[in-house]
Amino acid sequence: MKLQLQFLLMYLNDCDFARYTPITEVMMNDVYEKSKEIITALDKQL
C-alpha cells in the first residue's frame, strides 16, 4: 500500500504539471489512466 501511495503522489504531481504546462492529449490521457488505476487499487484495499 505504501508503494501505491507513492505512485499516487507522483501522479498527482504529474497532474499539477500537466495543468500548467503545454502537454499533448496523449500525455494527459496517460497520466489520467495511471492515476485511475492507482486510485482503484487503493479503493479496493479499503
N, C-alpha and C. Protein backbone atom coordinates (compact mmCIF):
# COMPACT_ATOMS: atom_id res chain seq x y z
N MET A 1 0.83 -1.19 0.00
CA MET A 1 0.00 0.00 0.00
C MET A 1 0.87 1.25 0.00
N LYS A 2 2.01 1.20 0.70
CA LYS A 2 2.89 2.37 0.75
C LYS A 2 3.40 2.73 -0.65
N LEU A 3 3.72 1.70 -1.43
CA LEU A 3 4.20 1.94 -2.79
C LEU A 3 3.10 2.56 -3.65
N GLN A 4 1.87 2.10 -3.47
CA GLN A 4 0.76 2.67 -4.24
C GLN A 4 0.53 4.13 -3.86
N LEU A 5 0.68 4.45 -2.60
CA LEU A 5 0.55 5.85 -2.18
C LEU A 5 1.64 6.71 -2.79
N GLN A 6 2.84 6.17 -2.88
CA GLN A 6 3.93 6.91 -3.51
C GLN A 6 3.63 7.16 -4.99
N PHE A 7 3.10 6.12 -5.67
CA PHE A 7 2.73 6.29 -7.07
C PHE A 7 1.61 7.31 -7.22
N LEU A 8 0.64 7.27 -6.31
CA LEU A 8 -0.46 8.24 -6.37
C LEU A 8 0.07 9.66 -6.22
N LEU A 9 0.96 9.87 -5.26
CA LEU A 9 1.53 11.21 -5.08
C LEU A 9 2.32 11.64 -6.31
N MET A 10 3.03 10.70 -6.90
CA MET A 10 3.79 11.02 -8.11
C MET A 10 2.85 11.43 -9.25
N TYR A 11 1.75 10.69 -9.41
CA TYR A 11 0.82 11.02 -10.49
C TYR A 11 0.03 12.28 -10.21
N LEU A 12 -0.25 12.56 -8.95
CA LEU A 12 -0.88 13.83 -8.62
C LEU A 12 0.05 14.99 -8.95
N ASN A 13 1.32 14.79 -8.71
CA ASN A 13 2.32 15.80 -9.08
C ASN A 13 2.33 15.98 -10.61
N ASP A 14 2.24 14.86 -11.33
CA ASP A 14 2.17 14.94 -12.79
C ASP A 14 0.93 15.68 -13.25
N CYS A 15 -0.17 15.48 -12.53
CA CYS A 15 -1.41 16.19 -12.89
C CYS A 15 -1.24 17.70 -12.73
N ASP A 16 -0.61 18.11 -11.65
CA ASP A 16 -0.33 19.54 -11.46
C ASP A 16 0.56 20.06 -12.58
N PHE A 17 1.58 19.28 -12.93
CA PHE A 17 2.48 19.65 -14.01
C PHE A 17 1.70 19.81 -15.31
N ALA A 18 0.80 18.86 -15.57
CA ALA A 18 0.00 18.89 -16.80
C ALA A 18 -0.93 20.10 -16.85
N ARG A 19 -1.38 20.52 -15.70
CA ARG A 19 -2.29 21.68 -15.65
C ARG A 19 -1.63 22.96 -16.12
N TYR A 20 -0.36 23.11 -15.81
CA TYR A 20 0.30 24.40 -16.03
C TYR A 20 1.34 24.40 -17.15
N THR A 21 1.45 23.31 -17.88
CA THR A 21 2.40 23.26 -18.99
C THR A 21 1.69 22.74 -20.24
N PRO A 22 2.18 23.13 -21.38
CA PRO A 22 1.56 22.62 -22.61
C PRO A 22 2.01 21.19 -22.88
N ILE A 23 1.11 20.23 -22.68
CA ILE A 23 1.41 18.84 -22.98
C ILE A 23 0.41 18.33 -23.99
N THR A 24 0.71 17.22 -24.58
CA THR A 24 -0.19 16.66 -25.57
C THR A 24 -1.34 15.93 -24.88
N GLU A 25 -2.38 15.71 -25.65
CA GLU A 25 -3.55 14.99 -25.12
C GLU A 25 -3.18 13.55 -24.76
N VAL A 26 -2.26 12.97 -25.52
CA VAL A 26 -1.81 11.60 -25.24
C VAL A 26 -1.15 11.54 -23.86
N MET A 27 -0.30 12.51 -23.57
CA MET A 27 0.38 12.55 -22.27
C MET A 27 -0.64 12.74 -21.15
N MET A 28 -1.62 13.59 -21.37
CA MET A 28 -2.64 13.86 -20.37
C MET A 28 -3.47 12.61 -20.11
N ASN A 29 -3.83 11.90 -21.17
CA ASN A 29 -4.60 10.67 -21.01
C ASN A 29 -3.80 9.60 -20.28
N ASP A 30 -2.51 9.54 -20.53
CA ASP A 30 -1.64 8.58 -19.86
C ASP A 30 -1.62 8.83 -18.35
N VAL A 31 -1.47 10.08 -17.97
CA VAL A 31 -1.47 10.45 -16.55
C VAL A 31 -2.82 10.11 -15.93
N TYR A 32 -3.89 10.39 -16.65
CA TYR A 32 -5.24 10.11 -16.15
C TYR A 32 -5.44 8.61 -15.93
N GLU A 33 -5.07 7.80 -16.91
CA GLU A 33 -5.26 6.35 -16.81
C GLU A 33 -4.44 5.75 -15.68
N LYS A 34 -3.20 6.17 -15.54
CA LYS A 34 -2.35 5.65 -14.46
C LYS A 34 -2.90 6.06 -13.10
N SER A 35 -3.34 7.29 -12.98
CA SER A 35 -3.92 7.75 -11.72
C SER A 35 -5.19 6.98 -11.39
N LYS A 36 -6.00 6.73 -12.38
CA LYS A 36 -7.24 5.98 -12.18
C LYS A 36 -6.95 4.57 -11.69
N GLU A 37 -5.93 3.93 -12.25
CA GLU A 37 -5.55 2.58 -11.82
C GLU A 37 -5.11 2.57 -10.36
N ILE A 38 -4.30 3.54 -9.98
CA ILE A 38 -3.81 3.61 -8.60
C ILE A 38 -4.97 3.87 -7.63
N ILE A 39 -5.84 4.80 -7.97
CA ILE A 39 -6.97 5.12 -7.10
C ILE A 39 -7.89 3.91 -6.94
N THR A 40 -8.12 3.18 -8.03
CA THR A 40 -8.96 1.98 -7.98
C THR A 40 -8.33 0.91 -7.09
N ALA A 41 -7.02 0.71 -7.22
CA ALA A 41 -6.33 -0.28 -6.39
C ALA A 41 -6.40 0.10 -4.91
N LEU A 42 -6.21 1.38 -4.61
CA LEU A 42 -6.30 1.83 -3.22
C LEU A 42 -7.71 1.67 -2.68
N ASP A 43 -8.70 1.97 -3.49
CA ASP A 43 -10.09 1.84 -3.08
C ASP A 43 -10.44 0.39 -2.74
N LYS A 44 -9.92 -0.55 -3.50
CA LYS A 44 -10.19 -1.97 -3.24
C LYS A 44 -9.57 -2.44 -1.93
N GLN A 45 -8.52 -1.78 -1.50
CA GLN A 45 -7.85 -2.17 -0.26
C GLN A 45 -8.55 -1.63 0.98
N LEU A 46 -9.40 -0.63 0.81
CA LEU A 46 -10.05 -0.01 1.96
C LEU A 46 -11.28 -0.77 2.39
